[in-house]
């Protein structure tokens, strides 16, 4: 839908009534075309209702009965469903901001982790621990805790694996004990 770009609106205040009516008809046709595309692309019900000043008859797309049915269906929903369906610009922008904040938070965590790993490597290569400030010390403590947790998990898995192999070998040896002695104890 690249044709939905912003266009400069023409000032219609100084035009005569027939020219404004032609412009309105063209804009309504464009709006209906976009509503139809939106309906097809998003698989949703879309209706357009427009009231022209000075006229008693309303413009409705796709037709007046379908527009009424869509509006009545929306109004028949309880208020909680209406609020869920109602997607305001503020909620849209808030979701975008929240997503960006989460993304930035993840990047900051990754950067801090990389920085602490780099600092750890510098300490391993001879940097003095007295040169660290409080933030770097806290970051290193977090890194050490994370590494310790991973090591403990690996140790537990290794012990489980070793114990499982020992039990399997002991069970195999128990079943072979009678065979080696010819069935005699």
N, C-alpha and C. Protein backbone atom coordinates (compact mmCIF):
# COMPACT_ATOMS: atom_id res chain seq x y z
N UNK A 1 0.83 -1.18 0.00
CA UNK A 1 0.00 0.00 0.00
C UNK A 1 0.87 1.24 0.00
N UNK A 2 1.76 1.31 -0.94
CA UNK A 2 2.66 2.45 -1.01
C UNK A 2 1.95 3.72 -1.45
N UNK A 3 0.76 3.59 -2.00
CA UNK A 3 0.04 4.77 -2.45
C UNK A 3 -0.63 5.51 -1.30
N UNK A 4 -0.45 5.05 -0.08
CA UNK A 4 -1.06 5.71 1.07
C UNK A 4 -0.16 6.79 1.66
N UNK A 5 0.79 7.27 0.90
CA UNK A 5 1.69 8.29 1.41
C UNK A 5 0.95 9.60 1.61
N UNK A 6 1.52 10.45 2.44
CA UNK A 6 0.89 11.73 2.72
C UNK A 6 0.96 12.63 1.49
N UNK A 7 -0.16 13.24 1.23
CA UNK A 7 -0.22 14.20 0.14
C UNK A 7 -0.71 15.52 0.70
N UNK A 8 -0.30 16.57 0.08
CA UNK A 8 -0.72 17.89 0.53
C UNK A 8 -2.18 18.09 0.16
N UNK A 9 -2.97 18.49 1.14
CA UNK A 9 -4.40 18.71 0.90
C UNK A 9 -4.61 20.05 0.21
N UNK A 10 -5.52 20.03 -0.71
CA UNK A 10 -5.85 21.23 -1.46
C UNK A 10 -6.83 22.06 -0.66
N UNK A 11 -6.64 23.36 -0.64
CA UNK A 11 -7.56 24.25 0.05
C UNK A 11 -8.81 24.41 -0.80
N UNK A 12 -9.94 23.94 -0.26
CA UNK A 12 -11.19 23.97 -1.03
C UNK A 12 -12.15 25.05 -0.56
N UNK A 13 -11.72 25.89 0.34
CA UNK A 13 -12.63 26.90 0.89
C UNK A 13 -13.06 27.94 -0.14
N UNK A 14 -12.19 28.27 -1.05
CA UNK A 14 -12.50 29.33 -2.01
C UNK A 14 -13.14 28.80 -3.29
N UNK A 15 -13.28 27.48 -3.40
CA UNK A 15 -13.88 26.92 -4.61
C UNK A 15 -15.39 26.96 -4.53
N UNK A 16 -16.02 26.90 -5.69
CA UNK A 16 -17.48 26.91 -5.70
C UNK A 16 -18.01 25.54 -5.26
N UNK A 17 -19.29 25.48 -5.01
CA UNK A 17 -19.93 24.29 -4.45
C UNK A 17 -19.76 23.06 -5.34
N UNK A 18 -19.91 23.20 -6.63
CA UNK A 18 -19.81 22.05 -7.53
C UNK A 18 -18.38 21.50 -7.56
N UNK A 19 -17.38 22.37 -7.52
CA UNK A 19 -15.99 21.91 -7.50
C UNK A 19 -15.69 21.16 -6.20
N UNK A 20 -16.19 21.66 -5.08
CA UNK A 20 -15.98 20.97 -3.80
C UNK A 20 -16.69 19.62 -3.79
N UNK A 21 -17.86 19.53 -4.42
CA UNK A 21 -18.58 18.27 -4.49
C UNK A 21 -17.80 17.24 -5.30
N UNK A 22 -17.19 17.66 -6.39
CA UNK A 22 -16.38 16.77 -7.22
C UNK A 22 -15.16 16.28 -6.42
N UNK A 23 -14.52 17.19 -5.71
CA UNK A 23 -13.35 16.81 -4.89
C UNK A 23 -13.77 15.82 -3.80
N UNK A 24 -14.91 16.08 -3.16
CA UNK A 24 -15.41 15.17 -2.13
C UNK A 24 -15.68 13.78 -2.70
N UNK A 25 -16.30 13.73 -3.87
CA UNK A 25 -16.59 12.43 -4.49
C UNK A 25 -15.31 11.67 -4.80
N UNK A 26 -14.30 12.36 -5.30
CA UNK A 26 -13.02 11.71 -5.59
C UNK A 26 -12.35 11.20 -4.31
N UNK A 27 -12.39 12.00 -3.27
CA UNK A 27 -11.78 11.59 -2.01
C UNK A 27 -12.54 10.43 -1.38
N UNK A 28 -13.86 10.44 -1.46
CA UNK A 28 -14.63 9.32 -0.93
C UNK A 28 -14.35 8.05 -1.72
N UNK A 29 -14.20 8.16 -3.03
CA UNK A 29 -13.87 7.00 -3.85
C UNK A 29 -12.50 6.43 -3.45
N UNK A 30 -11.55 7.33 -3.22
CA UNK A 30 -10.22 6.89 -2.79
C UNK A 30 -10.28 6.24 -1.42
N UNK A 31 -11.06 6.82 -0.52
CA UNK A 31 -11.22 6.27 0.83
C UNK A 31 -11.86 4.88 0.77
N UNK A 32 -12.86 4.71 -0.08
CA UNK A 32 -13.53 3.41 -0.22
C UNK A 32 -12.58 2.37 -0.79
N UNK A 33 -11.76 2.77 -1.74
CA UNK A 33 -10.78 1.84 -2.32
C UNK A 33 -9.79 1.39 -1.25
N UNK A 34 -9.33 2.32 -0.42
CA UNK A 34 -8.40 1.98 0.65
C UNK A 34 -9.08 1.11 1.70
N UNK A 35 -10.34 1.39 1.99
CA UNK A 35 -11.09 0.57 2.96
C UNK A 35 -11.25 -0.85 2.44
N UNK A 36 -11.51 -0.98 1.15
CA UNK A 36 -11.64 -2.32 0.55
C UNK A 36 -10.31 -3.07 0.62
N UNK A 37 -9.20 -2.40 0.34
CA UNK A 37 -7.88 -3.02 0.43
C UNK A 37 -7.59 -3.46 1.87
N UNK A 38 -7.92 -2.61 2.81
CA UNK A 38 -7.71 -2.93 4.22
C UNK A 38 -8.55 -4.14 4.62
N UNK A 39 -9.78 -4.18 4.16
CA UNK A 39 -10.67 -5.30 4.46
C UNK A 39 -10.12 -6.61 3.91
N UNK A 40 -9.58 -6.56 2.70
CA UNK A 40 -9.05 -7.77 2.06
C UNK A 40 -7.74 -8.19 2.72
N UNK A 41 -6.84 -7.24 2.91
CA UNK A 41 -5.53 -7.56 3.46
C UNK A 41 -5.58 -8.06 4.89
N UNK A 42 -6.45 -7.47 5.70
CA UNK A 42 -6.50 -7.81 7.12
C UNK A 42 -7.63 -8.77 7.45
N UNK A 43 -8.44 -9.13 6.48
CA UNK A 43 -9.57 -10.03 6.67
C UNK A 43 -10.47 -9.54 7.81
N UNK A 44 -10.89 -8.29 7.70
CA UNK A 44 -11.76 -7.68 8.70
C UNK A 44 -12.94 -7.02 8.02
N UNK A 45 -13.95 -6.72 8.81
CA UNK A 45 -15.11 -5.99 8.28
C UNK A 45 -14.81 -4.51 8.36
N UNK A 46 -15.00 -3.82 7.26
CA UNK A 46 -14.77 -2.38 7.20
C UNK A 46 -15.99 -1.73 6.57
N UNK A 47 -16.43 -0.65 7.16
CA UNK A 47 -17.51 0.15 6.59
C UNK A 47 -17.12 1.61 6.68
N UNK A 48 -17.59 2.38 5.73
CA UNK A 48 -17.34 3.82 5.71
C UNK A 48 -18.70 4.51 5.69
N UNK A 49 -18.87 5.44 6.62
CA UNK A 49 -20.09 6.24 6.66
C UNK A 49 -19.66 7.70 6.71
N UNK A 50 -20.18 8.50 5.79
CA UNK A 50 -19.82 9.92 5.74
C UNK A 50 -21.10 10.74 5.64
N UNK A 51 -21.12 11.83 6.38
CA UNK A 51 -22.26 12.75 6.35
C UNK A 51 -21.81 14.05 5.71
N UNK A 52 -22.45 14.42 4.64
CA UNK A 52 -22.13 15.66 3.95
C UNK A 52 -22.94 16.78 4.57
N UNK A 53 -22.29 17.91 4.87
CA UNK A 53 -23.04 19.03 5.46
C UNK A 53 -24.16 19.51 4.54
N UNK A 54 -25.30 19.72 5.12
CA UNK A 54 -26.43 20.24 4.35
C UNK A 54 -27.26 19.16 3.68
N UNK A 55 -26.86 17.91 3.73
CA UNK A 55 -27.63 16.83 3.11
C UNK A 55 -28.17 15.91 4.20
N UNK A 56 -29.33 15.36 3.95
CA UNK A 56 -29.93 14.45 4.93
C UNK A 56 -29.53 13.00 4.69
N UNK A 57 -29.09 12.69 3.49
CA UNK A 57 -28.71 11.34 3.15
C UNK A 57 -27.21 11.14 3.43
N UNK A 58 -26.87 10.02 4.05
CA UNK A 58 -25.48 9.72 4.38
C UNK A 58 -24.87 8.86 3.27
N UNK A 59 -23.56 9.03 3.08
CA UNK A 59 -22.81 8.18 2.16
C UNK A 59 -22.36 6.95 2.95
N UNK A 60 -22.57 5.76 2.40
CA UNK A 60 -22.17 4.52 3.09
C UNK A 60 -21.51 3.58 2.10
N UNK A 61 -20.45 2.94 2.57
CA UNK A 61 -19.76 1.94 1.76
C UNK A 61 -19.63 0.67 2.57
N UNK A 62 -19.81 -0.48 2.07
CA UNK A 62 -20.09 -0.90 0.71
C UNK A 62 -21.54 -0.62 0.31
N UNK A 63 -22.45 -0.70 1.27
CA UNK A 63 -23.82 -0.24 1.04
C UNK A 63 -24.40 0.11 2.41
N UNK A 64 -25.49 0.77 2.43
CA UNK A 64 -26.06 1.24 3.68
C UNK A 64 -26.42 0.09 4.62
N UNK A 65 -26.98 -0.99 4.08
CA UNK A 65 -27.37 -2.11 4.94
C UNK A 65 -26.15 -2.80 5.55
N UNK A 66 -25.10 -2.99 4.76
CA UNK A 66 -23.90 -3.63 5.31
C UNK A 66 -23.20 -2.72 6.32
N UNK A 67 -23.18 -1.42 6.05
CA UNK A 67 -22.57 -0.48 7.00
C UNK A 67 -23.35 -0.49 8.31
N UNK A 68 -24.69 -0.49 8.22
CA UNK A 68 -25.51 -0.57 9.43
C UNK A 68 -25.27 -1.87 10.18
N UNK A 69 -25.15 -2.96 9.45
CA UNK A 69 -24.91 -4.26 10.09
C UNK A 69 -23.56 -4.27 10.82
N UNK A 70 -22.54 -3.71 10.20
CA UNK A 70 -21.22 -3.67 10.82
C UNK A 70 -21.24 -2.81 12.08
N UNK A 71 -21.88 -1.65 11.99
CA UNK A 71 -21.95 -0.76 13.16
C UNK A 71 -22.78 -1.40 14.27
N UNK A 72 -23.91 -2.03 13.92
CA UNK A 72 -24.75 -2.68 14.93
C UNK A 72 -24.01 -3.86 15.57
N UNK A 73 -23.24 -4.58 14.80
CA UNK A 73 -22.47 -5.70 15.35
C UNK A 73 -21.43 -5.18 16.35
N UNK A 74 -20.80 -4.07 16.01
CA UNK A 74 -19.83 -3.48 16.93
C UNK A 74 -20.51 -2.98 18.20
N UNK A 75 -21.64 -2.32 18.04
CA UNK A 75 -22.35 -1.78 19.20
C UNK A 75 -22.98 -2.88 20.05
N UNK A 76 -23.24 -4.06 19.46
CA UNK A 76 -23.84 -5.16 20.21
C UNK A 76 -22.83 -5.83 21.14
N UNK A 77 -21.55 -5.66 20.85
CA UNK A 77 -20.52 -6.23 21.72
C UNK A 77 -20.59 -5.52 23.07
N UNK A 78 -20.23 -6.26 24.12
CA UNK A 78 -20.17 -5.59 25.41
C UNK A 78 -18.99 -4.62 25.42
N UNK A 79 -18.95 -3.75 26.39
CA UNK A 79 -17.97 -2.66 26.40
C UNK A 79 -16.54 -3.17 26.48
N UNK A 80 -16.31 -4.29 27.16
CA UNK A 80 -14.95 -4.84 27.25
C UNK A 80 -14.44 -5.24 25.87
N UNK A 81 -15.31 -5.88 25.08
CA UNK A 81 -14.89 -6.27 23.73
C UNK A 81 -14.69 -5.04 22.84
N UNK A 82 -15.52 -4.03 23.03
CA UNK A 82 -15.36 -2.81 22.25
C UNK A 82 -14.01 -2.17 22.54
N UNK A 83 -13.62 -2.16 23.81
CA UNK A 83 -12.34 -1.56 24.16
C UNK A 83 -11.19 -2.37 23.60
N UNK A 84 -11.33 -3.69 23.55
CA UNK A 84 -10.29 -4.52 22.96
C UNK A 84 -10.18 -4.21 21.48
N UNK A 85 -11.34 -4.09 20.81
CA UNK A 85 -11.33 -3.82 19.37
C UNK A 85 -10.86 -2.40 19.06
N UNK A 86 -11.10 -1.48 19.98
CA UNK A 86 -10.72 -0.10 19.77
C UNK A 86 -9.22 0.04 19.94
N UNK A 87 -8.55 0.40 18.90
CA UNK A 87 -7.10 0.50 18.90
C UNK A 87 -6.74 1.94 18.60
N UNK A 88 -6.46 2.69 19.66
CA UNK A 88 -6.20 4.11 19.48
C UNK A 88 -4.76 4.35 19.10
N UNK A 89 -4.50 5.53 18.65
CA UNK A 89 -3.14 5.90 18.28
C UNK A 89 -2.24 5.87 19.52
N UNK A 90 -2.78 6.27 20.65
CA UNK A 90 -1.98 6.28 21.88
C UNK A 90 -1.53 4.87 22.27
N UNK A 91 -2.46 3.90 22.19
CA UNK A 91 -2.07 2.53 22.54
C UNK A 91 -1.08 1.97 21.53
N UNK A 92 -1.27 2.31 20.27
CA UNK A 92 -0.33 1.87 19.23
C UNK A 92 1.07 2.41 19.52
N UNK A 93 1.14 3.71 19.79
CA UNK A 93 2.44 4.32 20.06
C UNK A 93 3.05 3.79 21.36
N UNK A 94 2.20 3.55 22.38
CA UNK A 94 2.72 3.01 23.64
C UNK A 94 3.30 1.62 23.43
N UNK A 95 2.66 0.80 22.61
CA UNK A 95 3.20 -0.53 22.31
C UNK A 95 4.53 -0.43 21.58
N UNK A 96 4.62 0.52 20.67
CA UNK A 96 5.88 0.72 19.94
C UNK A 96 6.99 1.16 20.91
N UNK A 97 6.66 2.08 21.81
CA UNK A 97 7.65 2.57 22.79
C UNK A 97 8.08 1.43 23.71
N UNK A 98 7.12 0.64 24.18
CA UNK A 98 7.45 -0.49 25.05
C UNK A 98 8.36 -1.49 24.35
N UNK A 99 8.06 -1.76 23.09
CA UNK A 99 8.89 -2.71 22.33
C UNK A 99 10.30 -2.16 22.18
N UNK A 100 10.43 -0.88 21.89
CA UNK A 100 11.76 -0.26 21.76
C UNK A 100 12.50 -0.28 23.08
N UNK A 101 11.81 -0.01 24.17
CA UNK A 101 12.45 -0.02 25.49
C UNK A 101 12.96 -1.42 25.82
N UNK A 102 12.16 -2.44 25.51
CA UNK A 102 12.61 -3.81 25.72
C UNK A 102 13.84 -4.13 24.88
N UNK A 103 13.81 -3.70 23.63
CA UNK A 103 14.93 -3.94 22.73
C UNK A 103 16.18 -3.24 23.23
N UNK A 104 16.04 -2.00 23.66
CA UNK A 104 17.18 -1.24 24.18
C UNK A 104 17.69 -1.88 25.47
N UNK A 105 16.79 -2.34 26.33
CA UNK A 105 17.20 -3.01 27.56
C UNK A 105 18.01 -4.26 27.28
N UNK A 106 17.58 -5.05 26.29
CA UNK A 106 18.33 -6.25 25.92
C UNK A 106 19.71 -5.89 25.38
N UNK A 107 19.78 -4.84 24.58
CA UNK A 107 21.08 -4.41 24.04
C UNK A 107 21.99 -3.94 25.17
N UNK A 108 21.43 -3.19 26.12
CA UNK A 108 22.23 -2.72 27.25
C UNK A 108 22.74 -3.89 28.08
N UNK A 109 21.90 -4.91 28.31
CA UNK A 109 22.34 -6.08 29.06
C UNK A 109 23.45 -6.81 28.32
N UNK A 110 23.31 -6.95 27.01
CA UNK A 110 24.34 -7.62 26.22
C UNK A 110 25.64 -6.83 26.26
N UNK A 111 25.53 -5.51 26.14
CA UNK A 111 26.73 -4.66 26.18
C UNK A 111 27.42 -4.76 27.54
N UNK A 112 26.62 -4.75 28.61
CA UNK A 112 27.21 -4.85 29.95
C UNK A 112 27.88 -6.21 30.15
N UNK A 113 27.24 -7.26 29.66
CA UNK A 113 27.82 -8.59 29.78
C UNK A 113 29.15 -8.66 29.03
N UNK A 114 29.18 -8.13 27.82
CA UNK A 114 30.42 -8.13 27.02
C UNK A 114 31.50 -7.31 27.72
N UNK A 115 31.10 -6.17 28.27
CA UNK A 115 32.06 -5.32 28.97
C UNK A 115 32.66 -6.03 30.18
N UNK A 116 31.80 -6.73 30.92
CA UNK A 116 32.30 -7.45 32.10
C UNK A 116 33.19 -8.63 31.71
N UNK A 117 32.85 -9.30 30.62
CA UNK A 117 33.72 -10.39 30.16
C UNK A 117 35.06 -9.84 29.71
N UNK A 118 35.05 -8.70 29.06
CA UNK A 118 36.29 -8.05 28.64
C UNK A 118 37.11 -7.65 29.88
N UNK A 119 36.45 -7.10 30.87
CA UNK A 119 37.12 -6.71 32.11
C UNK A 119 37.69 -7.94 32.82
N UNK A 120 36.95 -9.03 32.82
CA UNK A 120 37.43 -10.28 33.41
C UNK A 120 38.70 -10.76 32.70
N UNK A 121 38.69 -10.67 31.38
CA UNK A 121 39.88 -11.06 30.61
C UNK A 121 41.06 -10.15 30.94
N UNK A 122 40.80 -8.85 31.11
CA UNK A 122 41.87 -7.93 31.47
C UNK A 122 42.46 -8.28 32.84
N UNK A 123 41.59 -8.67 33.78
CA UNK A 123 42.07 -9.09 35.09
C UNK A 123 42.92 -10.36 34.98
N UNK A 124 42.49 -11.25 34.10
CA UNK A 124 43.26 -12.49 33.91
C UNK A 124 44.63 -12.20 33.32
N UNK A 125 44.73 -11.14 32.54
CA UNK A 125 46.01 -10.78 31.91
C UNK A 125 46.83 -9.83 32.75
N UNK A 126 46.41 -9.57 33.98
CA UNK A 126 47.27 -8.83 34.89
C UNK A 126 46.78 -7.47 35.34
N UNK A 127 45.62 -7.06 34.97
CA UNK A 127 45.10 -5.77 35.44
C UNK A 127 44.83 -5.89 36.94
N UNK A 128 45.16 -4.87 37.68
CA UNK A 128 44.99 -4.90 39.13
C UNK A 128 43.52 -4.70 39.50
N UNK A 129 43.06 -5.44 40.47
CA UNK A 129 41.67 -5.34 40.93
C UNK A 129 41.42 -4.02 41.64
N UNK A 130 42.48 -3.36 42.13
CA UNK A 130 42.32 -2.07 42.81
C UNK A 130 41.95 -0.97 41.82
N UNK A 131 42.14 -1.18 40.53
CA UNK A 131 41.83 -0.17 39.52
C UNK A 131 40.33 -0.12 39.19
N UNK A 132 39.54 -1.05 39.71
CA UNK A 132 38.13 -1.14 39.38
C UNK A 132 37.30 -0.16 40.21
N UNK A 133 36.27 0.40 39.60
CA UNK A 133 35.34 1.23 40.36
C UNK A 133 34.19 0.35 40.86
N UNK A 134 33.25 0.96 41.57
CA UNK A 134 32.16 0.21 42.21
C UNK A 134 31.27 -0.48 41.17
N UNK A 135 30.95 0.21 40.08
CA UNK A 135 30.09 -0.37 39.04
C UNK A 135 30.75 -1.59 38.42
N UNK A 136 32.05 -1.49 38.13
CA UNK A 136 32.76 -2.61 37.53
C UNK A 136 32.84 -3.79 38.49
N UNK A 137 33.03 -3.49 39.77
CA UNK A 137 33.09 -4.56 40.77
C UNK A 137 31.75 -5.28 40.88
N UNK A 138 30.65 -4.52 40.91
CA UNK A 138 29.32 -5.14 40.97
C UNK A 138 29.06 -5.97 39.71
N UNK A 139 29.45 -5.44 38.57
CA UNK A 139 29.27 -6.17 37.32
C UNK A 139 30.06 -7.47 37.30
N UNK A 140 31.29 -7.43 37.82
CA UNK A 140 32.08 -8.65 37.88
C UNK A 140 31.47 -9.66 38.85
N UNK A 141 30.93 -9.18 39.95
CA UNK A 141 30.26 -10.09 40.89
C UNK A 141 29.07 -10.78 40.23
N UNK A 142 28.30 -10.02 39.44
CA UNK A 142 27.17 -10.61 38.70
C UNK A 142 27.68 -11.67 37.72
N UNK A 143 28.76 -11.33 37.02
CA UNK A 143 29.34 -12.25 36.05
C UNK A 143 29.81 -13.51 36.75
N UNK A 144 30.48 -13.37 37.89
CA UNK A 144 30.96 -14.53 38.63
C UNK A 144 29.80 -15.41 39.10
N UNK A 145 28.71 -14.76 39.56
CA UNK A 145 27.54 -15.53 40.00
C UNK A 145 26.93 -16.30 38.83
N UNK A 146 26.82 -15.66 37.68
CA UNK A 146 26.27 -16.33 36.51
C UNK A 146 27.15 -17.49 36.08
N UNK A 147 28.46 -17.28 36.08
CA UNK A 147 29.39 -18.35 35.71
C UNK A 147 29.31 -19.49 36.73
N UNK A 148 29.22 -19.15 38.02
CA UNK A 148 29.12 -20.16 39.07
C UNK A 148 27.85 -20.99 38.90
N UNK A 149 26.74 -20.33 38.58
CA UNK A 149 25.47 -21.03 38.36
C UNK A 149 25.59 -22.00 37.19
N UNK A 150 26.19 -21.54 36.09
CA UNK A 150 26.37 -22.41 34.93
C UNK A 150 27.26 -23.60 35.27
N UNK A 151 28.34 -23.35 36.02
CA UNK A 151 29.23 -24.44 36.41
C UNK A 151 28.50 -25.45 37.29
N UNK A 152 27.70 -24.97 38.23
CA UNK A 152 26.94 -25.88 39.09
C UNK A 152 25.94 -26.72 38.29
N UNK A 153 25.30 -26.10 37.30
CA UNK A 153 24.37 -26.83 36.44
C UNK A 153 25.10 -27.91 35.65
N UNK A 154 26.23 -27.55 35.08
CA UNK A 154 27.03 -28.53 34.33
C UNK A 154 27.52 -29.65 35.24
N UNK A 155 27.90 -29.31 36.46
CA UNK A 155 28.37 -30.31 37.42
C UNK A 155 27.24 -31.28 37.76
N UNK A 156 26.05 -30.76 37.98
CA UNK A 156 24.90 -31.59 38.30
C UNK A 156 24.59 -32.54 37.15
N UNK A 157 24.57 -32.01 35.92
CA UNK A 157 24.30 -32.85 34.74
C UNK A 157 25.37 -33.92 34.58
N UNK A 158 26.62 -33.56 34.79
CA UNK A 158 27.72 -34.51 34.66
C UNK A 158 27.60 -35.61 35.71
N UNK A 159 27.28 -35.23 36.95
CA UNK A 159 27.10 -36.22 38.01
C UNK A 159 25.94 -37.16 37.70
N UNK A 160 24.84 -36.61 37.19
CA UNK A 160 23.70 -37.45 36.81
C UNK A 160 24.08 -38.41 35.71
N UNK A 161 24.83 -37.92 34.74
CA UNK A 161 25.26 -38.76 33.62
C UNK A 161 26.19 -39.87 34.11
N UNK A 162 27.16 -39.51 34.97
CA UNK A 162 28.10 -40.50 35.50
C UNK A 162 27.36 -41.51 36.37
N UNK A 163 26.47 -41.06 37.24
CA UNK A 163 25.71 -41.97 38.10
C UNK A 163 24.83 -42.90 37.28
N UNK A 164 24.25 -42.39 36.21
CA UNK A 164 23.42 -43.22 35.33
C UNK A 164 24.26 -44.29 34.66
N UNK A 165 25.47 -43.96 34.22
CA UNK A 165 26.35 -44.94 33.59
C UNK A 165 26.81 -45.99 34.60
N UNK A 166 27.12 -45.57 35.82
CA UNK A 166 27.56 -46.50 36.86
C UNK A 166 26.44 -47.48 37.19
N UNK A 167 25.21 -46.99 37.31
CA UNK A 167 24.09 -47.87 37.60
C UNK A 167 23.85 -48.85 36.46
N UNK A 168 23.97 -48.38 35.21
CA UNK A 168 23.78 -49.26 34.06
C UNK A 168 24.85 -50.35 34.03
N UNK A 169 26.10 -49.99 34.32
CA UNK A 169 27.18 -50.97 34.33
C UNK A 169 27.00 -51.94 35.48
N UNK A 170 26.57 -51.48 36.65
CA UNK A 170 26.34 -52.36 37.79
C UNK A 170 25.21 -53.32 37.49
N UNK A 171 24.17 -52.86 36.88
CA UNK A 171 23.04 -53.71 36.51
C UNK A 171 23.47 -54.76 35.49
N UNK A 172 24.31 -54.38 34.56
CA UNK A 172 24.80 -55.33 33.56
C UNK A 172 25.70 -56.36 34.21
N UNK A 173 26.52 -55.96 35.17
CA UNK A 173 27.40 -56.88 35.88
C UNK A 173 26.60 -57.86 36.72
N UNK A 174 25.52 -57.41 37.36
CA UNK A 174 24.68 -58.29 38.17
C UNK A 174 24.04 -59.38 37.33
N UNK A 175 23.63 -59.03 36.12
CA UNK A 175 22.99 -60.02 35.27
C UNK A 175 24.02 -61.01 34.70
N UNK A 176 25.27 -60.63 34.61
CA UNK A 176 26.31 -61.50 34.08
C UNK A 176 26.96 -62.35 35.15
N UNK A 177 26.72 -62.09 36.42
CA UNK A 177 27.39 -62.81 37.52
C UNK A 177 27.04 -64.30 37.47
N UNK A 178 25.79 -64.64 37.29
CA UNK A 178 25.38 -66.03 37.27
C UNK A 178 25.92 -66.77 36.06
N UNK A 179 26.09 -66.11 34.93
CA UNK A 179 26.56 -66.74 33.71
C UNK A 179 28.03 -67.11 33.81
N UNK A 180 28.82 -66.30 34.47
CA UNK A 180 30.24 -66.57 34.57
C UNK A 180 30.52 -67.82 35.41
N UNK A 181 29.72 -68.05 36.39
CA UNK A 181 29.94 -69.18 37.28
C UNK A 181 29.18 -70.42 36.83
N UNK A 182 28.65 -70.37 35.68
CA UNK A 182 27.93 -71.53 35.17
C UNK A 182 26.62 -71.73 35.89
N UNK A 183 26.06 -70.72 36.46
CA UNK A 183 24.80 -70.81 37.16
C UNK A 183 24.99 -71.18 38.61
N UNK A 184 26.22 -71.45 39.07
CA UNK A 184 26.47 -71.79 40.47
C UNK A 184 26.91 -70.55 41.23
N UNK A 185 26.40 -70.36 42.44
CA UNK A 185 26.79 -69.20 43.23
C UNK A 185 28.21 -69.25 43.73
